[in-house]
N, C-alpha and C. Protein backbone atom coordinates (compact mmCIF):
# COMPACT_ATOMS: atom_id res chain seq x y z
N UNK A 1 0.91 -0.52 -0.16
CA UNK A 1 0.11 0.04 0.05
C UNK A 1 0.78 0.94 -0.05
N UNK A 2 0.35 2.50 -0.73
CA UNK A 2 1.73 3.45 -0.52
C UNK A 2 1.67 4.04 1.31
N UNK A 3 2.19 4.81 1.32
CA UNK A 3 2.39 5.26 3.12
C UNK A 3 1.09 6.29 3.37
N UNK A 4 0.60 7.60 2.56
CA UNK A 4 0.14 7.77 3.18
C UNK A 4 -1.51 7.07 3.06
N UNK A 5 -1.49 6.04 2.93
CA UNK A 5 -2.82 5.02 2.61
C UNK A 5 -2.55 4.30 4.26
N UNK A 6 -1.71 3.60 4.39
CA UNK A 6 -1.07 2.58 5.48
C UNK A 6 -1.07 3.92 6.84
N UNK A 7 -1.04 5.32 6.37
CA UNK A 7 -0.63 6.44 7.50
C UNK A 7 -1.95 6.86 8.03
N UNK A 8 -2.49 6.78 7.57
CA UNK A 8 -3.65 7.41 7.57
C UNK A 8 -4.87 7.29 7.12
N UNK A 9 -5.55 6.52 6.25
CA UNK A 9 -6.31 6.00 5.84
C UNK A 9 -6.75 5.45 6.19
N UNK A 10 -5.93 3.85 6.62
CA UNK A 10 -6.09 2.84 7.22
C UNK A 10 -6.28 2.55 8.72
N UNK A 11 -5.79 3.43 9.39
CA UNK A 11 -6.42 4.18 11.00
C UNK A 11 -7.58 4.49 10.54
N UNK A 12 -7.90 5.18 10.11
CA UNK A 12 -9.05 5.77 10.14
C UNK A 12 -10.51 5.32 10.18
N UNK A 13 -10.40 4.12 9.08
CA UNK A 13 -10.64 3.05 8.58
C UNK A 13 -11.56 2.25 9.93
N UNK A 14 -10.01 1.99 10.77
CA UNK A 14 -9.67 0.62 11.51
C UNK A 14 -11.13 1.27 12.27
N UNK A 15 -10.68 2.41 13.19
CA UNK A 15 -11.35 3.72 13.87
C UNK A 15 -12.87 3.94 14.01
N UNK A 16 -13.51 3.45 12.06
CA UNK A 16 -14.60 3.48 11.94
C UNK A 16 -15.61 1.95 12.16
N UNK A 17 -14.79 1.17 11.96
CA UNK A 17 -15.22 0.32 12.41
C UNK A 17 -15.57 -0.35 13.89
N UNK A 18 -14.50 0.25 14.18
CA UNK A 18 -14.78 0.24 15.88
C UNK A 18 -15.74 0.86 16.57
N UNK A 19 -16.10 2.21 15.33
CA UNK A 19 -16.66 3.21 16.33
C UNK A 19 -18.25 2.55 15.81
N UNK A 20 -18.25 2.02 15.36
CA UNK A 20 -19.76 1.03 14.81
C UNK A 20 -19.73 0.00 15.23
N UNK A 21 -19.30 -0.43 16.30
CA UNK A 21 -19.41 -1.85 16.69
C UNK A 21 -19.46 -1.12 17.97
N UNK A 22 -19.38 0.14 18.90
CA UNK A 22 -19.52 0.71 19.76
C UNK A 22 -21.31 0.80 19.94
N UNK A 23 -21.56 1.41 18.26
CA UNK A 23 -22.94 1.51 19.12
C UNK A 23 -23.68 0.35 18.88
N UNK A 24 -23.02 -1.23 18.60
CA UNK A 24 -24.15 -1.87 18.99
C UNK A 24 -23.58 -2.12 20.57
N UNK A 25 -22.90 -1.69 21.10
CA UNK A 25 -22.48 -2.23 22.59
C UNK A 25 -22.83 -1.39 23.75
N UNK A 26 -23.58 -1.71 25.07
CA UNK A 26 -23.60 -1.22 26.24
C UNK A 26 -22.66 -1.32 27.26
N UNK A 27 -22.31 -0.55 28.59
CA UNK A 27 -21.30 -1.13 29.51
C UNK A 27 -21.47 -2.17 30.35
N UNK A 28 -23.07 -3.01 30.14
CA UNK A 28 -23.56 -4.27 31.22
C UNK A 28 -22.98 -5.37 29.35
N UNK A 29 -23.01 -4.89 28.56
CA UNK A 29 -22.07 -5.97 27.55
C UNK A 29 -20.66 -6.18 28.50
N UNK A 30 -20.02 -5.28 28.72
CA UNK A 30 -18.61 -5.43 29.47
C UNK A 30 -18.47 -6.14 30.44
N UNK A 31 -20.07 -6.08 31.51
CA UNK A 31 -19.75 -6.06 32.92
C UNK A 31 -19.90 -7.35 33.22
N UNK A 32 -20.55 -7.90 31.80
CA UNK A 32 -20.76 -9.67 31.99
C UNK A 32 -19.94 -10.75 30.97
N UNK A 33 -18.87 -9.61 30.53
CA UNK A 33 -18.06 -10.19 30.07
C UNK A 33 -17.35 -10.69 31.07
N UNK A 34 -16.36 -9.95 32.25
CA UNK A 34 -15.72 -9.95 33.50
C UNK A 34 -16.53 -10.42 34.84
N UNK A 35 -18.04 -11.17 34.11
CA UNK A 35 -18.36 -11.59 34.96
C UNK A 35 -18.25 -13.28 34.48
N UNK A 36 -17.99 -13.44 33.63
CA UNK A 36 -17.34 -14.76 33.34
C UNK A 36 -15.53 -14.67 33.11
N UNK A 37 -14.93 -14.97 33.63
CA UNK A 37 -13.65 -14.95 34.05
C UNK A 37 -13.00 -15.81 33.25
N UNK A 38 -13.69 -17.10 33.13
CA UNK A 38 -13.50 -18.41 32.80
C UNK A 38 -13.42 -18.09 30.92
N UNK A 39 -14.15 -17.51 30.51
CA UNK A 39 -13.90 -17.31 28.67
C UNK A 39 -12.73 -16.30 28.33
N UNK A 40 -12.75 -15.44 29.71
CA UNK A 40 -11.64 -14.46 29.26
C UNK A 40 -10.07 -15.04 29.14
N UNK A 41 -10.27 -15.94 30.36
CA UNK A 41 -9.09 -16.87 30.90
C UNK A 41 -8.32 -17.37 29.84
N UNK A 42 -9.75 -18.44 28.95
CA UNK A 42 -9.75 -19.21 28.01
C UNK A 42 -8.67 -18.74 26.90
N UNK A 43 -9.60 -17.57 26.36
CA UNK A 43 -9.46 -16.50 24.96
C UNK A 43 -7.72 -16.82 25.58
N UNK A 44 -6.98 -15.61 26.16
CA UNK A 44 -6.32 -14.88 26.50
C UNK A 44 -4.91 -16.45 26.38
N UNK A 45 -5.28 -17.97 27.30
CA UNK A 45 -3.96 -18.87 26.88
C UNK A 45 -4.39 -18.90 25.45
N UNK A 46 -5.49 -18.93 24.69
CA UNK A 46 -5.24 -19.15 23.23
C UNK A 46 -4.53 -18.72 22.89
N UNK A 47 -4.61 -16.89 23.20
CA UNK A 47 -3.64 -16.41 22.17
C UNK A 47 -2.97 -16.51 22.39
N UNK A 48 -2.35 -16.12 24.01
CA UNK A 48 -1.26 -16.09 24.28
C UNK A 48 -0.27 -16.79 24.60
N UNK A 49 -0.33 -18.48 24.76
CA UNK A 49 0.25 -19.34 24.45
C UNK A 49 -0.23 -20.44 23.54
N UNK A 50 -0.92 -20.83 23.48
CA UNK A 50 -1.49 -22.13 22.66
C UNK A 50 -1.08 -21.75 20.85
N UNK A 51 -1.36 -20.37 20.43
CA UNK A 51 -1.42 -20.17 19.31
C UNK A 51 0.07 -19.68 18.75
N UNK A 52 0.78 -19.71 19.31
CA UNK A 52 2.58 -19.64 19.62
C UNK A 52 2.79 -20.62 19.40
N UNK A 53 1.86 -21.15 20.46
CA UNK A 53 2.49 -23.30 19.57
C UNK A 53 2.25 -23.98 18.58
N UNK A 54 1.45 -23.78 18.30
CA UNK A 54 0.47 -24.15 17.35
C UNK A 54 1.25 -23.10 15.98
N UNK A 55 2.11 -22.82 15.87
CA UNK A 55 2.60 -21.52 15.18
C UNK A 55 4.14 -22.77 15.14
N UNK A 56 4.45 -22.34 15.79
CA UNK A 56 5.33 -23.52 16.43
C UNK A 56 5.09 -24.93 15.05
N UNK A 57 4.43 -25.48 15.76
CA UNK A 57 4.48 -26.44 15.41
C UNK A 57 4.12 -27.29 13.91
N UNK A 58 3.36 -25.88 13.37
CA UNK A 58 3.17 -26.15 11.83
C UNK A 58 4.38 -25.32 11.08
N UNK A 59 5.00 -24.64 11.57
CA UNK A 59 6.24 -24.47 11.20
C UNK A 59 7.42 -24.96 10.63
N UNK A 60 7.62 -25.70 12.26
CA UNK A 60 8.14 -27.01 11.60
C UNK A 60 8.07 -28.87 11.26
N UNK A 61 6.56 -28.59 11.02
CA UNK A 61 5.79 -29.60 10.26
C UNK A 61 5.97 -29.27 9.06
N UNK A 62 5.73 -28.05 8.33
CA UNK A 62 5.83 -27.95 6.81
C UNK A 62 7.34 -27.45 6.68
N UNK A 63 8.19 -27.37 7.67
CA UNK A 63 9.76 -27.08 7.01
C UNK A 63 9.83 -25.57 6.28
N UNK A 64 9.38 -24.58 7.04
CA UNK A 64 9.18 -23.80 5.86
C UNK A 64 11.06 -23.30 5.84
N UNK A 65 10.61 -22.28 4.98
CA UNK A 65 12.54 -21.62 5.08
C UNK A 65 12.64 -20.63 6.49
N UNK A 66 14.00 -20.51 7.55
CA UNK A 66 14.03 -19.62 8.40
C UNK A 66 13.40 -18.43 8.44
N UNK A 67 13.81 -17.46 7.58
CA UNK A 67 13.07 -16.28 7.85
C UNK A 67 10.94 -16.37 7.13
N UNK A 68 10.58 -17.63 6.47
CA UNK A 68 9.15 -17.10 6.92
C UNK A 68 8.69 -18.51 7.78
N UNK A 69 9.62 -19.17 8.69
CA UNK A 69 9.07 -19.46 9.63
C UNK A 69 9.29 -18.61 11.01
N UNK A 70 9.99 -17.78 10.92
CA UNK A 70 9.82 -16.63 12.03
C UNK A 70 9.16 -15.91 11.52
N UNK A 71 8.75 -15.37 10.03
CA UNK A 71 7.90 -14.52 9.87
C UNK A 71 6.46 -14.70 10.88
N UNK A 72 6.32 -16.69 10.31
CA UNK A 72 4.68 -17.47 10.92
C UNK A 72 4.94 -17.05 12.22
N UNK A 73 5.79 -17.27 12.86
CA UNK A 73 5.89 -17.14 14.82
C UNK A 73 5.43 -16.08 14.55
N UNK A 74 5.69 -14.21 14.12
CA UNK A 74 5.68 -13.73 14.24
C UNK A 74 4.04 -13.02 14.26
N UNK A 75 3.56 -13.29 13.86
CA UNK A 75 1.95 -13.45 13.28
C UNK A 75 1.56 -14.26 14.11
N UNK A 76 2.02 -15.61 14.72
CA UNK A 76 1.02 -16.33 15.79
C UNK A 76 1.35 -15.47 17.07
N UNK A 77 2.29 -14.95 17.53
CA UNK A 77 2.44 -14.07 18.90
C UNK A 77 2.02 -12.59 18.57
N UNK A 78 1.47 -12.01 17.81
CA UNK A 78 1.17 -11.21 17.51
C UNK A 78 -0.33 -10.79 18.01
N UNK A 79 -1.21 -10.04 18.88
CA UNK A 79 -2.36 -9.98 19.33
C UNK A 79 -3.89 -9.87 18.02
N UNK A 80 -4.42 -10.05 19.22
CA UNK A 80 -6.02 -10.12 17.76
C UNK A 80 -6.03 -8.17 17.71
N UNK A 81 -5.96 -8.02 15.96
CA UNK A 81 -6.54 -6.63 16.34
C UNK A 81 -7.91 -6.12 16.03
N UNK A 82 -8.07 -5.10 15.80
CA UNK A 82 -9.30 -4.18 15.90
C UNK A 82 -10.60 -5.06 14.35
N UNK A 83 -9.84 -5.37 13.61
CA UNK A 83 -11.01 -6.55 12.59
C UNK A 83 -12.07 -7.65 13.45
N UNK A 84 -11.01 -8.32 14.04
CA UNK A 84 -11.44 -9.49 14.87
C UNK A 84 -12.51 -9.30 15.48
N UNK A 85 -13.26 -7.63 15.97
CA UNK A 85 -14.15 -7.72 16.55
C UNK A 85 -15.48 -7.51 15.60
N UNK A 86 -15.01 -6.99 14.58
CA UNK A 86 -16.17 -6.83 13.12
C UNK A 86 -16.43 -8.00 13.00
N UNK A 87 -15.49 -8.93 12.34
CA UNK A 87 -15.59 -10.36 12.31
C UNK A 87 -16.56 -11.26 13.85
N UNK A 88 -16.27 -11.19 14.76
CA UNK A 88 -16.56 -11.67 15.88
C UNK A 88 -18.43 -11.30 15.73
N UNK A 89 -18.68 -9.84 15.33
CA UNK A 89 -19.89 -9.56 15.35
C UNK A 89 -20.93 -9.48 14.29
N UNK A 90 -20.33 -10.20 12.72
CA UNK A 90 -20.75 -10.57 11.94
C UNK A 90 -21.35 -11.87 11.96
N UNK A 91 -20.30 -12.65 12.79
CA UNK A 91 -20.73 -13.96 13.24
C UNK A 91 -21.93 -14.06 14.47
N UNK A 92 -22.32 -12.90 14.94
CA UNK A 92 -23.04 -12.82 15.96
C UNK A 92 -22.38 -13.86 17.85
N UNK A 93 -21.19 -13.58 17.44
CA UNK A 93 -20.64 -13.73 18.77
C UNK A 93 -20.60 -12.89 19.59
N UNK A 94 -20.13 -13.17 20.78
CA UNK A 94 -19.88 -11.69 21.11
C UNK A 94 -18.70 -11.15 21.32
N UNK A 95 -19.12 -9.79 20.64
CA UNK A 95 -18.31 -9.31 20.27
C UNK A 95 -17.79 -7.65 21.99
N UNK A 96 -18.13 -7.95 22.62
CA UNK A 96 -17.62 -7.45 23.87
C UNK A 96 -16.85 -8.01 24.43
N UNK A 97 -16.41 -9.84 24.89
CA UNK A 97 -15.78 -10.92 24.77
C UNK A 97 -14.37 -10.61 23.77
N UNK A 98 -14.23 -10.25 22.48
CA UNK A 98 -13.69 -9.92 21.82
C UNK A 98 -12.71 -8.57 21.54
N UNK A 99 -13.09 -7.87 21.66
CA UNK A 99 -12.49 -6.37 21.89
C UNK A 99 -11.69 -6.47 23.48
N UNK A 100 -12.65 -7.28 25.26
CA UNK A 100 -11.95 -7.05 25.80
C UNK A 100 -10.66 -8.19 25.47
N UNK A 101 -10.85 -8.97 24.85
CA UNK A 101 -10.09 -10.09 24.68
C UNK A 101 -8.55 -8.73 23.86
N UNK A 102 -8.95 -8.21 22.27
CA UNK A 102 -7.83 -7.71 21.64
C UNK A 102 -7.82 -6.99 23.09
N UNK A 103 -8.12 -6.01 23.74
CA UNK A 103 -7.19 -5.05 24.70
C UNK A 103 -6.31 -5.62 26.03
N UNK A 104 -6.62 -6.50 26.54
CA UNK A 104 -6.47 -7.19 27.41
C UNK A 104 -4.79 -8.51 26.34
N UNK A 105 -5.08 -8.87 25.90
CA UNK A 105 -3.49 -9.43 24.98
C UNK A 105 -2.89 -8.43 24.72
N UNK A 106 -3.32 -6.99 23.87
CA UNK A 106 -2.37 -6.57 23.63
C UNK A 106 -1.42 -5.51 24.64
N UNK A 107 -1.40 -5.21 25.82
CA UNK A 107 -1.22 -5.26 27.71
C UNK A 107 -0.70 -6.45 27.38
N UNK A 108 -0.97 -7.90 27.45
CA UNK A 108 0.31 -9.06 27.51
C UNK A 108 1.42 -9.40 26.84
N UNK A 109 1.08 -8.42 25.26
CA UNK A 109 2.00 -9.18 24.62
C UNK A 109 3.05 -7.50 24.62
N UNK A 110 3.00 -6.93 25.49
CA UNK A 110 4.07 -6.24 25.82
C UNK A 110 5.19 -7.13 26.49
N UNK A 111 5.08 -8.40 27.17
CA UNK A 111 5.95 -9.42 27.81
C UNK A 111 5.84 -10.24 27.02
N UNK A 112 5.20 -10.37 26.65
CA UNK A 112 4.84 -12.41 25.90
C UNK A 112 5.71 -11.80 24.44
N UNK A 113 5.27 -10.84 23.51
CA UNK A 113 5.69 -10.44 22.28
C UNK A 113 7.50 -10.79 21.73
N UNK A 114 8.23 -10.13 22.17
CA UNK A 114 9.21 -9.85 22.31
C UNK A 114 9.95 -11.05 22.59
N UNK A 115 9.28 -12.01 23.88
CA UNK A 115 10.06 -12.67 24.50
C UNK A 115 9.54 -14.49 23.07
N UNK A 116 8.36 -14.68 22.84
CA UNK A 116 7.89 -15.48 21.54
C UNK A 116 8.85 -15.25 20.45
N UNK A 117 8.97 -13.53 20.16
CA UNK A 117 10.14 -13.41 18.29
C UNK A 117 11.07 -13.77 18.85
N UNK A 118 11.71 -13.08 19.65
CA UNK A 118 13.40 -13.44 20.17
C UNK A 118 13.74 -14.93 19.81
N UNK A 119 12.50 -15.79 20.84
CA UNK A 119 13.24 -17.29 20.68
C UNK A 119 12.76 -18.00 19.20
N UNK A 120 12.23 -17.57 19.25
CA UNK A 120 11.56 -18.20 17.00
C UNK A 120 12.33 -17.45 16.35
N UNK A 121 13.48 -16.01 16.45
CA UNK A 121 14.55 -15.72 15.71
C UNK A 121 15.53 -16.72 16.18
N UNK A 122 16.12 -17.28 17.42
CA UNK A 122 17.36 -17.88 17.61
C UNK A 122 17.24 -19.27 16.68
N UNK A 123 15.95 -19.80 17.23
CA UNK A 123 15.86 -21.11 16.70
C UNK A 123 15.53 -21.31 15.33
N UNK A 124 14.81 -20.40 14.61
CA UNK A 124 15.16 -20.69 13.19
C UNK A 124 15.78 -19.95 12.78
N UNK A 125 16.37 -18.52 12.73
CA UNK A 125 17.50 -17.99 12.52
C UNK A 125 18.88 -18.41 12.73
N UNK A 126 19.17 -18.66 14.04
CA UNK A 126 20.34 -18.84 14.89
C UNK A 126 20.83 -16.88 15.47
N UNK A 127 20.30 -16.22 15.40
CA UNK A 127 20.01 -14.40 15.44
C UNK A 127 18.97 -14.11 16.53
N UNK A 128 18.62 -13.59 17.83
CA UNK A 128 18.11 -13.06 18.10
C UNK A 128 17.43 -11.90 17.21
N UNK A 129 16.83 -10.82 18.20
CA UNK A 129 15.60 -9.90 18.17
C UNK A 129 16.88 -8.45 18.07
N UNK A 130 17.12 -7.78 16.61
CA UNK A 130 17.91 -6.40 16.73
C UNK A 130 17.35 -5.48 17.19
N UNK A 131 17.60 -5.06 18.62
CA UNK A 131 17.17 -4.20 19.05
C UNK A 131 15.88 -4.00 19.20
N UNK A 132 14.63 -3.38 19.84
CA UNK A 132 13.65 -2.69 20.82
C UNK A 132 12.85 -3.21 19.62
N UNK A 133 11.22 -4.18 19.83
CA UNK A 133 10.33 -3.89 19.43
C UNK A 133 9.23 -3.10 19.13
N UNK A 134 8.56 -2.46 19.06
CA UNK A 134 7.54 -1.47 18.92
C UNK A 134 6.55 -1.93 19.38
N UNK A 135 6.56 -2.68 20.73
CA UNK A 135 5.23 -2.92 21.27
C UNK A 135 4.60 -1.72 22.14
N UNK A 136 5.18 -1.05 22.88
CA UNK A 136 4.38 0.10 23.41
C UNK A 136 3.68 0.63 22.25
N UNK A 137 3.95 1.19 20.94
CA UNK A 137 3.61 2.03 19.78
C UNK A 137 2.32 1.19 19.29
N UNK A 138 2.37 -0.51 20.32
CA UNK A 138 0.84 -1.76 19.38
C UNK A 138 -0.01 -1.57 20.38
N UNK A 139 0.73 -0.64 21.46
CA UNK A 139 -0.32 -1.11 22.76
C UNK A 139 -1.16 0.52 22.38
N UNK A 140 -0.50 1.33 22.76
CA UNK A 140 -1.03 2.44 22.52
C UNK A 140 -2.20 2.45 20.51
N UNK A 141 -1.94 1.93 19.95
CA UNK A 141 -2.43 1.58 18.94
C UNK A 141 -3.72 0.71 19.04
N UNK A 142 -3.80 0.63 19.76
CA UNK A 142 -4.87 -0.56 20.40
C UNK A 142 -5.51 0.08 20.84
N UNK A 143 -5.45 0.93 21.51
CA UNK A 143 -5.73 1.96 22.58
C UNK A 143 -6.77 3.45 22.25
N UNK A 144 -5.97 3.56 20.78
CA UNK A 144 -6.85 4.45 19.84
C UNK A 144 -7.12 4.22 18.97
N UNK A 145 -7.06 2.99 18.93
CA UNK A 145 -7.80 2.42 17.33
C UNK A 145 -8.82 1.55 17.99
N UNK A 146 -9.23 1.08 19.22
CA UNK A 146 -9.79 0.04 19.47
C UNK A 146 -10.89 0.46 20.73
N UNK A 147 -10.01 0.72 22.18
CA UNK A 147 -10.96 1.73 23.38
C UNK A 147 -11.48 2.92 22.64
N UNK A 148 -10.74 4.21 22.39
CA UNK A 148 -11.93 5.33 22.04
C UNK A 148 -12.64 5.56 21.39
N UNK A 149 -13.32 4.56 20.08
CA UNK A 149 -13.65 4.85 19.02
C UNK A 149 -14.60 4.05 19.71
N UNK A 150 -14.87 2.98 19.90
CA UNK A 150 -15.76 1.91 20.29
C UNK A 150 -16.51 2.76 22.14
N UNK A 151 -15.79 3.70 22.31
CA UNK A 151 -16.27 3.91 23.99
C UNK A 151 -17.02 5.24 23.46
N UNK A 152 -16.82 5.97 22.11
CA UNK A 152 -17.43 7.14 21.54
C UNK A 152 -18.91 6.22 20.92
N UNK A 153 -19.00 5.43 20.80
CA UNK A 153 -20.27 4.79 19.61
C UNK A 153 -21.10 4.41 20.70
N UNK A 154 -20.24 4.11 22.62
CA UNK A 154 -21.47 3.72 23.00
C UNK A 154 -21.68 5.05 23.44
N UNK A 155 -21.40 5.63 23.77
CA UNK A 155 -21.63 6.59 24.41
C UNK A 155 -22.95 7.78 23.91
N UNK A 156 -22.25 7.67 22.29
CA UNK A 156 -23.92 8.08 21.46
C UNK A 156 -24.37 7.47 21.36
N UNK A 157 -24.46 6.10 21.99
CA UNK A 157 -25.69 5.29 21.98
C UNK A 157 -26.92 5.70 22.87
N UNK A 158 -25.23 5.56 23.94
CA UNK A 158 -26.34 5.98 24.92
C UNK A 158 -27.09 7.38 25.57
N UNK A 159 -26.13 8.75 24.72
CA UNK A 159 -27.03 9.81 24.77
C UNK A 159 -27.62 9.98 23.90
N UNK A 160 -27.74 9.70 22.77
CA UNK A 160 -28.48 9.49 21.65
C UNK A 160 -28.85 8.40 20.53
N UNK A 161 -30.16 7.58 21.71
CA UNK A 161 -30.51 6.13 21.48
C UNK A 161 -30.82 6.65 20.14
N UNK A 162 -32.29 7.66 19.88
CA UNK A 162 -32.96 7.19 18.57
C UNK A 162 -31.95 7.80 17.15
N UNK A 163 -31.18 8.22 17.44
CA UNK A 163 -29.76 9.29 16.47
C UNK A 163 -29.93 7.51 16.48
N UNK A 164 -28.79 7.02 17.40
CA UNK A 164 -28.16 5.70 17.04
C UNK A 164 -29.08 4.69 16.06
N UNK A 165 -30.45 4.56 16.67
CA UNK A 165 -30.80 3.20 16.21
C UNK A 165 -31.21 3.53 14.46
N UNK A 166 -31.48 5.25 14.39
CA UNK A 166 -31.11 5.32 12.75
C UNK A 166 -30.05 4.76 12.15
N UNK A 167 -28.51 5.47 12.50
CA UNK A 167 -27.72 5.13 12.14
C UNK A 167 -26.92 3.84 11.97
N UNK A 168 -27.65 2.72 12.93
CA UNK A 168 -27.12 1.10 13.21
C UNK A 168 -26.83 0.50 11.49
N UNK A 169 -27.41 1.26 11.20
CA UNK A 169 -27.40 -0.38 9.65
C UNK A 169 -26.53 0.26 8.89
N UNK A 170 -26.22 2.01 8.52
CA UNK A 170 -25.76 2.43 7.42
C UNK A 170 -24.38 1.81 8.14
N UNK A 171 -23.84 2.46 9.04
CA UNK A 171 -22.83 1.91 9.91
C UNK A 171 -21.82 0.89 9.46
N UNK A 172 -23.50 -0.12 10.16
CA UNK A 172 -22.40 -1.51 10.32
C UNK A 172 -22.28 -1.80 8.82
N UNK A 173 -23.18 -1.84 7.54
CA UNK A 173 -22.51 -1.89 6.60
C UNK A 173 -21.52 -1.14 5.45
N UNK A 174 -21.18 0.25 5.97
CA UNK A 174 -19.39 0.79 5.70
C UNK A 174 -18.24 0.42 6.02
N UNK A 175 -18.52 0.17 7.59
CA UNK A 175 -17.97 -1.00 8.38
C UNK A 175 -16.98 -2.30 7.96
N UNK A 176 -18.26 -3.12 6.88
CA UNK A 176 -18.46 -4.04 6.40
C UNK A 176 -17.30 -4.16 5.31
N UNK A 177 -17.80 -3.07 4.58
CA UNK A 177 -17.36 -2.99 3.21
C UNK A 177 -16.14 -2.03 2.96
N UNK A 178 -15.84 -1.37 4.48
CA UNK A 178 -14.00 -0.89 5.11
C UNK A 178 -13.19 -2.04 5.05
N UNK A 179 -13.72 -3.01 5.83
CA UNK A 179 -12.87 -4.52 6.69
C UNK A 179 -12.99 -5.05 5.00
N UNK A 180 -13.49 -4.66 4.47
CA UNK A 180 -13.69 -6.00 3.05
C UNK A 180 -12.52 -5.12 1.88
N UNK A 181 -12.59 -4.13 1.84
CA UNK A 181 -11.27 -2.42 1.15
C UNK A 181 -9.95 -3.27 1.50
N UNK A 182 -9.88 -3.54 3.12
CA UNK A 182 -8.82 -3.12 3.39
C UNK A 182 -8.10 -4.78 3.57
N UNK A 183 -8.42 -5.94 3.06
CA UNK A 183 -8.52 -7.35 2.64
C UNK A 183 -7.78 -7.26 1.84
N UNK A 184 -9.15 -7.03 0.29
CA UNK A 184 -8.30 -6.62 -0.78
C UNK A 184 -7.34 -6.12 -0.99
N UNK A 185 -7.60 -4.66 -0.42
CA UNK A 185 -6.20 -3.60 -0.88
C UNK A 185 -5.14 -3.82 -0.35
N UNK A 186 -4.79 -4.66 1.03
CA UNK A 186 -3.79 -5.32 1.27
C UNK A 186 -3.03 -6.68 0.85
N UNK A 187 -4.12 -8.20 -0.66
CA UNK A 187 -3.80 -8.90 -1.31
C UNK A 187 -3.60 -7.98 -2.47
N UNK A 188 -4.33 -6.58 -2.69
CA UNK A 188 -3.24 -6.07 -4.40
C UNK A 188 -2.36 -5.98 -4.18
N UNK A 189 -1.99 -5.20 -2.95
CA UNK A 189 -0.63 -4.33 -2.98
C UNK A 189 0.62 -5.61 -2.69
N UNK A 190 0.36 -6.37 -2.22
CA UNK A 190 1.07 -7.43 -1.97
C UNK A 190 1.20 -8.86 -2.95
N UNK A 191 0.49 -8.60 -3.87
CA UNK A 191 0.21 -9.83 -4.67
C UNK A 191 1.38 -10.35 -5.30
N UNK A 192 2.44 -10.11 -5.58
CA UNK A 192 3.83 -10.14 -6.04
C UNK A 192 4.20 -11.12 -5.05
N UNK A 193 4.39 -10.55 -4.00
CA UNK A 193 4.73 -11.57 -2.81
C UNK A 193 4.59 -12.90 -2.45
N UNK A 194 3.03 -12.12 -2.45
CA UNK A 194 2.15 -14.05 -2.15
C UNK A 194 1.96 -14.85 -3.52
N UNK A 195 2.53 -14.58 -4.78
CA UNK A 195 2.52 -14.98 -5.75
C UNK A 195 3.97 -15.83 -5.99
N UNK A 196 4.86 -15.21 -5.73
CA UNK A 196 6.00 -15.70 -5.18
C UNK A 196 6.09 -17.23 -3.99
N UNK A 197 6.06 -16.93 -2.62
CA UNK A 197 5.24 -17.70 -1.31
C UNK A 197 4.58 -18.10 -1.53
N UNK A 198 3.24 -18.34 -2.44
CA UNK A 198 2.12 -19.23 -1.97
C UNK A 198 2.47 -20.73 -1.09
N UNK A 199 3.32 -20.79 -2.56
CA UNK A 199 3.49 -22.90 -1.99
C UNK A 199 4.12 -23.09 -1.24
N UNK A 200 5.12 -21.81 -0.56
CA UNK A 200 5.90 -22.84 -0.20
C UNK A 200 5.07 -22.40 1.42
N UNK A 201 4.21 -20.89 1.37
CA UNK A 201 3.79 -20.36 3.28
C UNK A 201 2.58 -20.64 3.19
N UNK A 202 1.55 -20.36 2.07
CA UNK A 202 0.06 -21.03 1.90
C UNK A 202 -0.66 -21.65 2.88
N UNK A 203 -0.19 -23.15 2.45
CA UNK A 203 -0.90 -24.44 3.49
C UNK A 203 -0.23 -24.29 4.72
N UNK A 204 0.71 -23.61 4.73
CA UNK A 204 1.13 -23.44 6.45
C UNK A 204 -0.15 -22.68 6.96
N UNK A 205 0.70 -20.95 6.53
CA UNK A 205 -0.35 -20.36 6.97
C UNK A 205 -2.54 -20.56 7.20
N UNK A 206 -2.29 -21.31 6.39
CA UNK A 206 -3.82 -21.57 6.30
C UNK A 206 -4.59 -22.89 7.88
N UNK A 207 -2.84 -23.59 7.52
CA UNK A 207 -2.94 -24.64 8.68
C UNK A 207 -3.07 -24.11 10.11
N UNK A 208 -2.55 -22.28 10.66
CA UNK A 208 -2.59 -21.58 11.60
C UNK A 208 -3.78 -20.78 11.29
């Protein structure tokens, strides 16, 4: 993607998606999440522990080249992003749980991401992390692209319920369209890389 698109339009699109989700939520939805700590704990264990272990097993079983194996591990170690909340909402899942898990796993990533990435690089490439990973920037990004827009949407719903009801269908459609546009634009911008490496990485990525 062009740099202005990545730096400006992509964050704005993600923020709008989370704002649209906020219009569907209330504080009671999040209160129910924290009344069921087992669900949050299970999701956090799956995200922080099981997914990296699965990534390691897949990279090893498929015999990926060292740089590809390390890249797969980085993807597996990263917390869920803003779009996971929209996918959960469209699948009629627990959107509040998904958003809460994204926030908590992003904070946990301050400790887990550098560790998993360093161990993966040492195992697959023979060298550790060169310099510091931008984990703090990741956490700030989650806060501004997830927490703030969701809170704004919830506030609008609380104070302007009638307006929110009129906006809801339109914002959901726009959010879905933006999500699809992000996916298609990402694939289009990386089509040459994908074509060159699909045979080696595609099945492993699908398994993960």
